[in-house]
């Protein structure tokens, strides 16, 4: 059995990532991408390394669910 690994992000690092995501994106970009966030958290020494998919999972964990019936991800069915 493989021993468990320590989480990449602790509570403080998660908070910093979320604050970074809520800040203005770098010049020349309209929004933060997962790959931009991946580079920036390492550049700011928030963490040593993480993949963009790890960052995406963490941000998804903290995003609120849309109200019932108002999901922007589910297209309305038309007959």
N, C-alpha and C. Protein backbone atom coordinates (compact mmCIF):
# COMPACT_ATOMS: atom_id res chain seq x y z
N UNK A 1 0.84 -1.17 0.00
CA UNK A 1 0.00 0.00 0.00
C UNK A 1 0.90 1.25 0.00
N UNK A 2 0.54 2.22 -0.80
CA UNK A 2 1.30 3.46 -0.89
C UNK A 2 0.91 4.38 0.27
N UNK A 3 1.88 4.96 0.95
CA UNK A 3 1.55 5.87 2.06
C UNK A 3 0.93 7.16 1.52
N UNK A 4 0.06 7.79 2.29
CA UNK A 4 -0.56 9.04 1.83
C UNK A 4 0.48 10.15 1.69
N UNK A 5 0.22 11.05 0.78
CA UNK A 5 1.11 12.19 0.58
C UNK A 5 0.52 13.43 1.26
N UNK A 6 1.38 14.32 1.64
CA UNK A 6 0.92 15.56 2.27
C UNK A 6 0.26 16.45 1.22
N UNK A 7 -0.79 17.18 1.61
CA UNK A 7 -1.44 18.08 0.65
C UNK A 7 -0.48 19.16 0.18
N UNK A 8 -0.63 19.57 -1.07
CA UNK A 8 0.22 20.61 -1.64
C UNK A 8 -0.16 21.96 -1.03
N UNK A 9 -1.46 22.21 -0.90
CA UNK A 9 -1.95 23.48 -0.38
C UNK A 9 -2.45 23.29 1.05
N UNK A 10 -1.94 24.11 1.98
CA UNK A 10 -2.53 24.16 3.30
C UNK A 10 -3.56 25.29 3.30
N UNK A 11 -4.19 25.54 4.41
CA UNK A 11 -5.23 26.56 4.47
C UNK A 11 -4.75 27.95 4.07
N UNK A 12 -3.56 28.30 4.52
CA UNK A 12 -3.01 29.63 4.20
C UNK A 12 -2.72 29.75 2.71
N UNK A 13 -2.14 28.72 2.12
CA UNK A 13 -1.82 28.75 0.69
C UNK A 13 -3.10 28.77 -0.14
N UNK A 14 -4.13 28.05 0.30
CA UNK A 14 -5.42 28.07 -0.40
C UNK A 14 -6.00 29.48 -0.39
N UNK A 15 -5.95 30.13 0.77
CA UNK A 15 -6.48 31.48 0.89
C UNK A 15 -5.73 32.45 -0.02
N UNK A 16 -4.42 32.30 -0.10
CA UNK A 16 -3.62 33.17 -0.98
C UNK A 16 -3.96 32.93 -2.44
N UNK A 17 -4.16 31.66 -2.82
CA UNK A 17 -4.52 31.34 -4.20
C UNK A 17 -5.88 31.95 -4.54
N UNK A 18 -6.83 31.83 -3.66
CA UNK A 18 -8.17 32.38 -3.92
C UNK A 18 -8.10 33.91 -4.00
N UNK A 19 -7.33 34.53 -3.13
CA UNK A 19 -7.17 35.98 -3.19
C UNK A 19 -6.51 36.39 -4.51
N UNK A 20 -5.52 35.63 -4.95
CA UNK A 20 -4.86 35.91 -6.21
C UNK A 20 -5.85 35.78 -7.36
N UNK A 21 -6.66 34.74 -7.34
CA UNK A 21 -7.66 34.52 -8.40
C UNK A 21 -8.66 35.66 -8.45
N UNK A 22 -8.97 36.26 -7.31
CA UNK A 22 -9.93 37.36 -7.26
C UNK A 22 -9.30 38.71 -7.63
N UNK A 23 -7.99 38.76 -7.75
CA UNK A 23 -7.31 40.01 -8.07
C UNK A 23 -7.31 40.23 -9.59
N UNK A 24 -6.82 41.39 -9.98
CA UNK A 24 -6.73 41.71 -11.41
C UNK A 24 -5.73 40.77 -12.08
N UNK A 25 -6.03 40.31 -13.29
CA UNK A 25 -5.07 39.45 -14.00
C UNK A 25 -3.86 40.27 -14.46
N UNK A 26 -2.79 39.61 -14.85
CA UNK A 26 -1.61 40.32 -15.33
C UNK A 26 -1.93 41.17 -16.57
N UNK A 27 -1.11 42.17 -16.79
CA UNK A 27 -1.29 43.03 -17.97
C UNK A 27 -1.28 42.18 -19.23
N UNK A 28 -2.20 42.48 -20.12
CA UNK A 28 -2.29 41.75 -21.38
C UNK A 28 -3.24 40.57 -21.32
N UNK A 29 -3.84 40.29 -20.16
CA UNK A 29 -4.77 39.17 -20.01
C UNK A 29 -6.12 39.69 -19.51
N UNK A 30 -7.18 39.14 -20.02
CA UNK A 30 -8.52 39.54 -19.59
C UNK A 30 -8.93 38.84 -18.30
N UNK A 31 -8.39 37.65 -18.07
CA UNK A 31 -8.74 36.89 -16.86
C UNK A 31 -7.59 35.97 -16.50
N UNK A 32 -7.64 35.44 -15.29
CA UNK A 32 -6.65 34.46 -14.85
C UNK A 32 -6.96 33.12 -15.50
N UNK A 33 -5.96 32.45 -16.02
CA UNK A 33 -6.10 31.08 -16.48
C UNK A 33 -5.46 30.18 -15.42
N UNK A 34 -5.75 28.89 -15.50
CA UNK A 34 -5.15 27.97 -14.53
C UNK A 34 -3.63 27.95 -14.69
N UNK A 35 -3.15 28.02 -15.91
CA UNK A 35 -1.70 28.00 -16.13
C UNK A 35 -1.03 29.28 -15.64
N UNK A 36 -1.70 30.43 -15.78
CA UNK A 36 -1.15 31.67 -15.23
C UNK A 36 -1.08 31.59 -13.70
N UNK A 37 -2.14 31.07 -13.09
CA UNK A 37 -2.15 30.92 -11.64
C UNK A 37 -1.07 29.95 -11.19
N UNK A 38 -0.89 28.88 -11.96
CA UNK A 38 0.16 27.89 -11.65
C UNK A 38 1.53 28.56 -11.58
N UNK A 39 1.83 29.39 -12.56
CA UNK A 39 3.13 30.07 -12.58
C UNK A 39 3.25 31.11 -11.47
N UNK A 40 2.17 31.84 -11.23
CA UNK A 40 2.23 32.94 -10.26
C UNK A 40 2.37 32.45 -8.82
N UNK A 41 1.70 31.35 -8.46
CA UNK A 41 1.83 30.87 -7.07
C UNK A 41 3.24 30.38 -6.78
N UNK A 42 3.91 29.87 -7.80
CA UNK A 42 5.30 29.45 -7.62
C UNK A 42 6.20 30.69 -7.56
N UNK A 43 5.96 31.64 -8.46
CA UNK A 43 6.74 32.88 -8.49
C UNK A 43 6.65 33.64 -7.16
N UNK A 44 5.47 33.64 -6.55
CA UNK A 44 5.27 34.35 -5.27
C UNK A 44 5.65 33.51 -4.06
N UNK A 45 6.21 32.31 -4.30
CA UNK A 45 6.62 31.39 -3.23
C UNK A 45 5.48 31.00 -2.31
N UNK A 46 4.28 30.90 -2.87
CA UNK A 46 3.14 30.41 -2.09
C UNK A 46 3.28 28.91 -1.91
N UNK A 47 3.69 28.23 -2.99
CA UNK A 47 4.00 26.80 -2.96
C UNK A 47 5.21 26.55 -3.84
N UNK A 48 5.81 25.39 -3.70
CA UNK A 48 6.99 25.07 -4.53
C UNK A 48 6.60 24.70 -5.94
N UNK A 49 5.57 23.89 -6.10
CA UNK A 49 5.10 23.52 -7.43
C UNK A 49 3.72 22.91 -7.32
N UNK A 50 2.94 23.07 -8.39
CA UNK A 50 1.62 22.45 -8.49
C UNK A 50 1.21 22.47 -9.95
N UNK A 51 0.42 21.52 -10.34
CA UNK A 51 -0.07 21.50 -11.72
C UNK A 51 -1.30 22.38 -11.84
N UNK A 52 -1.60 22.76 -13.06
CA UNK A 52 -2.79 23.57 -13.29
C UNK A 52 -4.05 22.78 -12.94
N UNK A 53 -4.01 21.47 -13.07
CA UNK A 53 -5.19 20.67 -12.72
C UNK A 53 -5.42 20.65 -11.21
N UNK A 54 -4.35 20.66 -10.42
CA UNK A 54 -4.48 20.74 -8.97
C UNK A 54 -5.12 22.07 -8.58
N UNK A 55 -4.68 23.14 -9.21
CA UNK A 55 -5.22 24.46 -8.92
C UNK A 55 -6.69 24.51 -9.33
N UNK A 56 -7.02 23.93 -10.46
CA UNK A 56 -8.41 23.88 -10.90
C UNK A 56 -9.31 23.13 -9.93
N UNK A 57 -8.84 21.99 -9.43
CA UNK A 57 -9.63 21.22 -8.46
C UNK A 57 -9.84 22.02 -7.17
N UNK A 58 -8.80 22.70 -6.72
CA UNK A 58 -8.91 23.49 -5.50
C UNK A 58 -9.91 24.63 -5.68
N UNK A 59 -9.83 25.33 -6.80
CA UNK A 59 -10.76 26.44 -7.04
C UNK A 59 -12.18 25.93 -7.20
N UNK A 60 -12.36 24.79 -7.84
CA UNK A 60 -13.69 24.21 -8.00
C UNK A 60 -14.29 23.86 -6.64
N UNK A 61 -13.45 23.38 -5.74
CA UNK A 61 -13.90 23.01 -4.40
C UNK A 61 -14.47 24.23 -3.67
N UNK A 62 -13.96 25.40 -3.96
CA UNK A 62 -14.36 26.62 -3.26
C UNK A 62 -15.36 27.47 -4.02
N UNK A 63 -15.78 27.04 -5.21
CA UNK A 63 -16.73 27.85 -5.97
C UNK A 63 -18.15 27.49 -5.56
N UNK A 64 -19.01 28.48 -5.43
CA UNK A 64 -20.39 28.19 -5.03
C UNK A 64 -21.17 27.53 -6.16
N UNK A 65 -22.12 26.74 -5.80
CA UNK A 65 -22.99 26.10 -6.80
C UNK A 65 -24.04 27.12 -7.24
N UNK A 66 -24.44 27.09 -8.50
CA UNK A 66 -25.48 28.02 -8.95
C UNK A 66 -26.83 27.66 -8.31
N UNK A 67 -27.72 28.63 -8.18
CA UNK A 67 -29.04 28.34 -7.62
C UNK A 67 -29.77 27.32 -8.49
N UNK A 68 -30.64 26.52 -7.90
CA UNK A 68 -31.37 25.52 -8.68
C UNK A 68 -32.14 26.17 -9.84
N UNK A 69 -32.05 25.56 -11.00
CA UNK A 69 -32.75 26.06 -12.17
C UNK A 69 -32.05 27.20 -12.88
N UNK A 70 -30.92 27.66 -12.36
CA UNK A 70 -30.23 28.79 -12.98
C UNK A 70 -28.80 28.43 -13.34
N UNK A 71 -28.57 27.17 -13.63
CA UNK A 71 -27.22 26.76 -13.98
C UNK A 71 -26.84 27.29 -15.35
N UNK A 72 -25.73 27.93 -15.45
CA UNK A 72 -25.28 28.46 -16.74
C UNK A 72 -24.57 27.39 -17.56
N UNK A 73 -24.40 26.21 -16.98
CA UNK A 73 -23.69 25.13 -17.66
C UNK A 73 -24.62 24.12 -18.32
N UNK A 74 -25.90 24.19 -18.00
CA UNK A 74 -26.85 23.25 -18.56
C UNK A 74 -27.74 24.00 -19.53
N UNK A 75 -27.69 23.60 -20.77
CA UNK A 75 -28.50 24.26 -21.80
C UNK A 75 -29.96 23.87 -21.62
N UNK A 76 -30.83 24.80 -21.93
CA UNK A 76 -32.26 24.53 -21.87
C UNK A 76 -32.64 23.64 -23.06
N UNK A 77 -33.50 22.69 -22.79
CA UNK A 77 -33.96 21.81 -23.85
C UNK A 77 -35.11 22.46 -24.61
N UNK A 78 -35.06 22.39 -25.92
CA UNK A 78 -36.16 22.91 -26.73
C UNK A 78 -36.66 21.79 -27.61
N UNK A 79 -37.95 21.76 -27.81
CA UNK A 79 -38.55 20.70 -28.62
C UNK A 79 -39.14 21.28 -29.88
